[in-house]
Amino acid sequence: MHTSGTDEDIRRLVETYSPMLLRLAAARLASPADAEDAVQEAFLRLLTTQPVFRDAEHEKAWLIRTTLHRACDIRKSAARRNLPLEEAALAAAPEPEAEPLLTAVRALPEKYSAVIHLHYYEGYSIQEIANLLGVPVPTVGTRLARGRERLRRLLKEGRS
């Protein structure tokens, strides 16, 4: 059993996983600041709950799932929030235009975008994604196939 309680453990986890978790969150959220918040909140949850991990894979899976959940929560709350006039003016400043493919991946439902990102952007196999997300291998394969099909449609619509 492995626990993540010491400063050294936390530092190692942040250095090891932050870049990958930030890419994962950024694929789900339009704002780089929101992506950073999702990752920071995942590490904050790690500090507050201090889970015990079986091994490094369990540790990585927990961080990926927690980051995905936080990104989803941030995305939902952003859709519901009403901004005061002063903040609305700041929010009106456009974010740098993302590439069409990344924009389309962000538009997918969470279950499809997560597996597409982990497979194509992070290079994980279907088996590894199944282990990381805690879902059966056939489910990952189905989500990849359906996600690719939705991406094709979204990209085709974007060109029309």
Protein backbone atom coordinates (compact mmCIF):
# COMPACT_ATOMS: atom_id res chain seq x y z
CA MET A 1 0.00 0.00 0.00
CA HIS A 2 1.18 3.47 -0.85
CA THR A 3 -0.03 6.69 0.68
CA SER A 4 0.58 10.22 -0.55
CA GLY A 5 0.97 12.08 2.70
CA THR A 6 4.45 13.52 2.78
CA ASP A 7 5.59 16.73 1.11
CA GLU A 8 8.04 14.69 -0.92
CA ASP A 9 5.26 12.37 -2.17
CA ILE A 10 3.07 15.32 -3.15
CA ARG A 11 5.95 17.07 -4.90
CA ARG A 12 6.73 13.90 -6.86
CA LEU A 13 3.09 13.49 -7.90
CA VAL A 14 2.79 17.12 -8.99
CA GLU A 15 6.02 16.98 -11.00
CA THR A 16 5.16 13.62 -12.55
CA TYR A 17 1.51 14.11 -13.44
CA SER A 18 0.81 17.86 -13.72
CA PRO A 19 1.68 18.23 -17.43
CA MET A 20 -0.48 15.27 -18.46
CA LEU A 21 -3.38 16.28 -16.19
CA LEU A 22 -3.22 19.86 -17.48
CA ARG A 23 -3.44 18.64 -21.09
CA LEU A 24 -6.36 16.41 -20.13
CA ALA A 25 -8.23 19.26 -18.41
CA ALA A 26 -7.42 21.70 -21.23
CA ALA A 27 -8.99 19.28 -23.71
CA ARG A 28 -12.25 19.58 -21.76
CA LEU A 29 -12.21 23.27 -20.85
CA ALA A 30 -11.93 26.29 -23.11
CA SER A 31 -10.10 28.44 -20.58
CA PRO A 32 -6.48 27.64 -19.65
CA ALA A 33 -7.20 29.11 -16.20
CA ASP A 34 -10.10 26.69 -15.72
CA ALA A 35 -7.86 23.79 -16.74
CA GLU A 36 -5.28 24.86 -14.18
CA ASP A 37 -8.03 25.13 -11.55
CA ALA A 38 -9.22 21.59 -12.29
CA VAL A 39 -5.71 20.19 -11.83
CA GLN A 40 -5.08 22.24 -8.69
CA GLU A 41 -8.38 21.08 -7.22
CA ALA A 42 -7.50 17.46 -7.98
CA PHE A 43 -4.23 17.85 -6.07
CA LEU A 44 -6.03 19.68 -3.27
CA ARG A 45 -8.41 16.75 -2.99
CA LEU A 46 -5.39 14.45 -2.86
CA LEU A 47 -4.04 16.46 0.08
CA THR A 48 -7.33 16.57 1.95
CA THR A 49 -8.45 12.97 1.47
CA GLN A 50 -5.00 11.33 1.50
CA PRO A 51 -6.10 8.16 -0.28
CA VAL A 52 -4.08 4.97 -0.05
CA PHE A 53 -2.95 3.62 -3.42
CA ARG A 54 -2.14 0.01 -4.28
CA ASP A 55 0.54 1.02 -6.77
CA ALA A 56 1.61 3.74 -9.20
CA GLU A 57 -1.11 2.81 -11.72
CA HIS A 58 -3.82 3.20 -9.07
CA GLU A 59 -2.31 6.55 -8.13
CA LYS A 60 -2.33 7.75 -11.76
CA ALA A 61 -5.87 6.46 -12.35
CA TRP A 62 -7.14 8.27 -9.27
CA LEU A 63 -5.57 11.56 -10.38
CA ILE A 64 -6.94 11.21 -13.93
CA ARG A 65 -10.45 10.41 -12.75
CA THR A 66 -10.41 13.21 -10.18
CA THR A 67 -9.16 15.74 -12.75
CA LEU A 68 -11.82 14.65 -15.26
CA HIS A 69 -14.54 14.98 -12.62
CA ARG A 70 -13.32 18.44 -11.59
CA ALA A 71 -13.13 19.58 -15.24
CA CYS A 72 -16.68 18.36 -15.76
CA ASP A 73 -17.86 20.20 -12.64
CA ILE A 74 -16.13 23.41 -13.74
CA ARG A 75 -17.66 23.11 -17.19
CA LYS A 76 -21.15 22.63 -15.75
CA SER A 77 -20.82 25.53 -13.31
CA ALA A 78 -19.49 27.84 -16.05
CA ALA A 79 -22.57 27.10 -18.13
CA ARG A 80 -24.87 28.07 -15.24
CA ARG A 81 -23.10 31.09 -13.85
CA ASN A 82 -24.38 34.63 -14.20
CA LEU A 83 -21.57 37.16 -14.30
CA PRO A 84 -21.73 40.68 -12.90
CA LEU A 85 -21.27 43.37 -15.54
CA GLU A 86 -17.62 44.06 -14.60
CA GLU A 87 -16.66 40.38 -14.91
CA ALA A 88 -18.67 39.96 -18.10
CA ALA A 89 -16.51 42.63 -19.74
CA LEU A 90 -13.37 40.73 -18.75
CA ALA A 91 -14.85 37.42 -19.88
CA ALA A 92 -15.73 38.93 -23.25
CA ALA A 93 -12.05 39.00 -24.19
CA PRO A 94 -11.76 36.07 -26.57
CA GLU A 95 -9.51 33.14 -25.76
CA PRO A 96 -6.93 32.27 -28.40
CA GLU A 97 -8.65 30.28 -31.13
CA ALA A 98 -8.15 26.57 -30.58
CA GLU A 99 -7.58 24.28 -33.50
CA PRO A 100 -10.84 22.87 -34.95
CA LEU A 101 -10.08 19.32 -33.83
CA LEU A 102 -9.51 20.33 -30.20
CA THR A 103 -12.66 22.44 -30.28
CA ALA A 104 -14.60 19.43 -31.59
CA VAL A 105 -13.11 17.13 -28.91
CA ARG A 106 -14.18 19.65 -26.25
CA ALA A 107 -17.71 19.63 -27.67
CA LEU A 108 -18.05 15.86 -27.17
CA PRO A 109 -19.74 14.42 -24.10
CA GLU A 110 -17.27 13.67 -21.28
CA LYS A 111 -17.30 9.89 -21.73
CA TYR A 112 -16.15 10.22 -25.35
CA SER A 113 -13.72 13.11 -25.01
CA ALA A 114 -11.90 11.49 -22.10
CA VAL A 115 -11.13 8.25 -23.95
CA ILE A 116 -10.24 10.09 -27.16
CA HIS A 117 -7.87 12.38 -25.29
CA LEU A 118 -6.23 9.56 -23.34
CA HIS A 119 -5.84 7.42 -26.47
CA TYR A 120 -4.78 9.95 -29.11
CA TYR A 121 -3.19 12.76 -27.11
CA GLU A 122 -1.62 10.79 -24.26
CA GLY A 123 -0.95 7.54 -26.15
CA TYR A 124 -2.66 5.10 -23.79
CA SER A 125 -3.89 1.74 -25.10
CA ILE A 126 -7.52 0.71 -24.78
CA GLN A 127 -6.56 -1.69 -21.96
CA GLU A 128 -4.68 1.06 -20.11
CA ILE A 129 -7.62 3.46 -20.47
CA ALA A 130 -9.97 0.81 -19.12
CA ASN A 131 -7.72 0.39 -16.09
CA LEU A 132 -7.33 4.15 -15.58
CA LEU A 133 -11.05 4.90 -15.80
CA GLY A 134 -12.25 1.71 -14.13
CA VAL A 135 -14.49 0.63 -17.01
CA PRO A 136 -14.50 -2.58 -19.08
CA VAL A 137 -12.25 -2.79 -22.17
CA PRO A 138 -15.23 -3.20 -24.56
CA THR A 139 -16.76 -0.01 -23.14
CA VAL A 140 -13.58 1.93 -23.95
CA GLY A 141 -13.59 0.52 -27.48
CA THR A 142 -17.23 1.47 -27.96
CA ARG A 143 -16.65 4.97 -26.59
CA LEU A 144 -13.67 5.45 -28.91
CA ALA A 145 -15.67 4.34 -31.94
CA ARG A 146 -18.69 6.48 -31.06
CA GLY A 147 -16.48 9.43 -30.16
CA ARG A 148 -14.63 9.23 -33.49
CA GLU A 149 -17.96 9.09 -35.33
CA ARG A 150 -19.23 12.15 -33.47
CA LEU A 151 -15.97 13.94 -34.20
CA ARG A 152 -16.31 13.16 -37.91
CA ARG A 153 -19.82 14.64 -37.89
CA LEU A 154 -18.80 17.72 -35.91
CA LEU A 155 -15.84 18.41 -38.18
CA LYS A 156 -17.92 17.85 -41.30
CA GLU A 157 -20.59 20.27 -40.01
CA GLY A 158 -17.85 22.82 -39.26
CA ARG A 159 -16.72 22.80 -42.89
CA SER A 160 -20.20 23.23 -44.28
